[in-house]
Amino acid sequence: MSTVEQIEEAIRALPARERARLANDLPRLLPELDGDAAWDRINRDERPRPALSQLLDEVDSAVAEDPAQ
């Protein structure tokens, strides 16, 4: 059994209250789970992302047409 499998098994064995506590602490323990940090990395990355740019342009257009969306 790998270390990851052991960790997964240990997490599943935790009482619900402890799992909830762990879920709240995961972004601190694993910074890559922090959504803001992920977006910051994307924003700082200067590589072209045409699909993401197109999607965001479409969202901007939709919001401009109907801000209630």
C-alpha atoms as a PDB file:
ATOM      1  CA  MET A   1       0.000   0.000   0.000  1.00  0.00           C
ATOM      2  CA  SER A   2       1.361   3.420  -0.944  1.00  0.00           C
ATOM      3  CA  THR A   3       1.639   6.343   1.420  1.00  0.00           C
ATOM      4  CA  VAL A   4      -1.171   8.114  -0.442  1.00  0.00           C
ATOM      5  CA  GLU A   5      -3.417   5.089  -0.029  1.00  0.00           C
ATOM      6  CA  GLN A   6      -2.592   4.982   3.678  1.00  0.00           C
ATOM      7  CA  ILE A   7      -3.448   8.665   4.028  1.00  0.00           C
ATOM      8  CA  GLU A   8      -6.717   8.186   2.131  1.00  0.00           C
ATOM      9  CA  GLU A   9      -7.626   5.239   4.337  1.00  0.00           C
ATOM     10  CA  ALA A  10      -6.809   7.220   7.487  1.00  0.00           C
ATOM     11  CA  ILE A  11      -8.948  10.144   6.307  1.00  0.00           C
ATOM     12  CA  ARG A  12     -11.897   7.846   5.589  1.00  0.00           C
ATOM     13  CA  ALA A  13     -11.550   6.422   9.111  1.00  0.00           C
ATOM     14  CA  LEU A  14     -11.798   9.847  10.773  1.00  0.00           C
ATOM     15  CA  PRO A  15     -14.996  10.814  12.571  1.00  0.00           C
ATOM     16  CA  ALA A  16     -17.125  13.330  10.649  1.00  0.00           C
ATOM     17  CA  ARG A  17     -16.118  16.206  12.926  1.00  0.00           C
ATOM     18  CA  GLU A  18     -12.409  15.542  12.371  1.00  0.00           C
ATOM     19  CA  ARG A  19     -12.910  15.173   8.596  1.00  0.00           C
ATOM     20  CA  ALA A  20     -14.681  18.544   8.563  1.00  0.00           C
ATOM     21  CA  ARG A  21     -11.770  20.084  10.466  1.00  0.00           C
ATOM     22  CA  LEU A  22      -9.315  18.543   8.018  1.00  0.00           C
ATOM     23  CA  ALA A  23     -11.350  19.795   5.046  1.00  0.00           C
ATOM     24  CA  ASN A  24     -11.113  23.335   6.431  1.00  0.00           C
ATOM     25  CA  ASP A  25      -7.359  22.988   6.946  1.00  0.00           C
ATOM     26  CA  LEU A  26      -6.525  21.432   3.554  1.00  0.00           C
ATOM     27  CA  PRO A  27      -5.871  24.722   1.708  1.00  0.00           C
ATOM     28  CA  ARG A  28      -3.345  25.635   4.408  1.00  0.00           C
ATOM     29  CA  LEU A  29      -1.736  22.196   4.239  1.00  0.00           C
ATOM     30  CA  LEU A  30      -1.843  22.004   0.433  1.00  0.00           C
ATOM     31  CA  PRO A  31      -1.543  25.544  -0.950  1.00  0.00           C
ATOM     32  CA  GLU A  32      -2.281  24.288  -4.457  1.00  0.00           C
ATOM     33  CA  LEU A  33      -5.892  23.784  -3.313  1.00  0.00           C
ATOM     34  CA  ASP A  34      -6.293  27.499  -2.601  1.00  0.00           C
ATOM     35  CA  GLY A  35      -8.395  28.795  -5.492  1.00  0.00           C
ATOM     36  CA  ASP A  36      -7.029  32.331  -5.159  1.00  0.00           C
ATOM     37  CA  ALA A  37      -3.459  31.069  -5.367  1.00  0.00           C
ATOM     38  CA  ALA A  38      -4.320  29.064  -8.483  1.00  0.00           C
ATOM     39  CA  TRP A  39      -5.819  32.129 -10.188  1.00  0.00           C
ATOM     40  CA  ASP A  40      -2.813  34.210  -9.141  1.00  0.00           C
ATOM     41  CA  ARG A  41      -0.517  31.678 -10.855  1.00  0.00           C
ATOM     42  CA  ILE A  42      -2.661  31.809 -14.002  1.00  0.00           C
ATOM     43  CA  ASN A  43      -2.678  35.612 -13.975  1.00  0.00           C
ATOM     44  CA  ARG A  44       1.117  35.809 -13.626  1.00  0.00           C
ATOM     45  CA  ASP A  45       1.743  33.205 -16.337  1.00  0.00           C
ATOM     46  CA  GLU A  46       2.380  35.048 -19.587  1.00  0.00           C
ATOM     47  CA  ARG A  47       1.874  32.059 -21.868  1.00  0.00           C
ATOM     48  CA  PRO A  48      -1.002  32.567 -24.310  1.00  0.00           C
ATOM     49  CA  ARG A  49      -4.207  30.768 -23.385  1.00  0.00           C
ATOM     50  CA  PRO A  50      -6.486  31.379 -26.366  1.00  0.00           C
ATOM     51  CA  ALA A  51      -9.296  29.110 -25.160  1.00  0.00           C
ATOM     52  CA  LEU A  52      -9.390  30.759 -21.730  1.00  0.00           C
ATOM     53  CA  SER A  53      -9.181  34.217 -23.291  1.00  0.00           C
ATOM     54  CA  GLN A  54     -12.065  33.393 -25.622  1.00  0.00           C
ATOM     55  CA  LEU A  55     -14.178  32.038 -22.761  1.00  0.00           C
ATOM     56  CA  LEU A  56     -13.553  35.124 -20.632  1.00  0.00           C
ATOM     57  CA  ASP A  57     -14.334  37.406 -23.593  1.00  0.00           C
ATOM     58  CA  GLU A  58     -17.651  35.577 -24.058  1.00  0.00           C
ATOM     59  CA  VAL A  59     -18.479  35.928 -20.367  1.00  0.00           C
ATOM     60  CA  ASP A  60     -17.604  39.638 -20.460  1.00  0.00           C
ATOM     61  CA  SER A  61     -19.868  40.121 -23.497  1.00  0.00           C
ATOM     62  CA  ALA A  62     -22.753  38.252 -21.889  1.00  0.00           C
ATOM     63  CA  VAL A  63     -22.471  40.309 -18.699  1.00  0.00           C
ATOM     64  CA  ALA A  64     -22.254  43.544 -20.707  1.00  0.00           C
ATOM     65  CA  GLU A  65     -25.477  42.612 -22.531  1.00  0.00           C
ATOM     66  CA  ASP A  66     -27.336  41.541 -19.375  1.00  0.00           C
ATOM     67  CA  PRO A  67     -25.670  42.419 -16.062  1.00  0.00           C
ATOM     68  CA  ALA A  68     -28.372  40.452 -14.197  1.00  0.00           C
ATOM     69  CA  GLN A  69     -26.912  37.167 -15.470  1.00  0.00           C
END
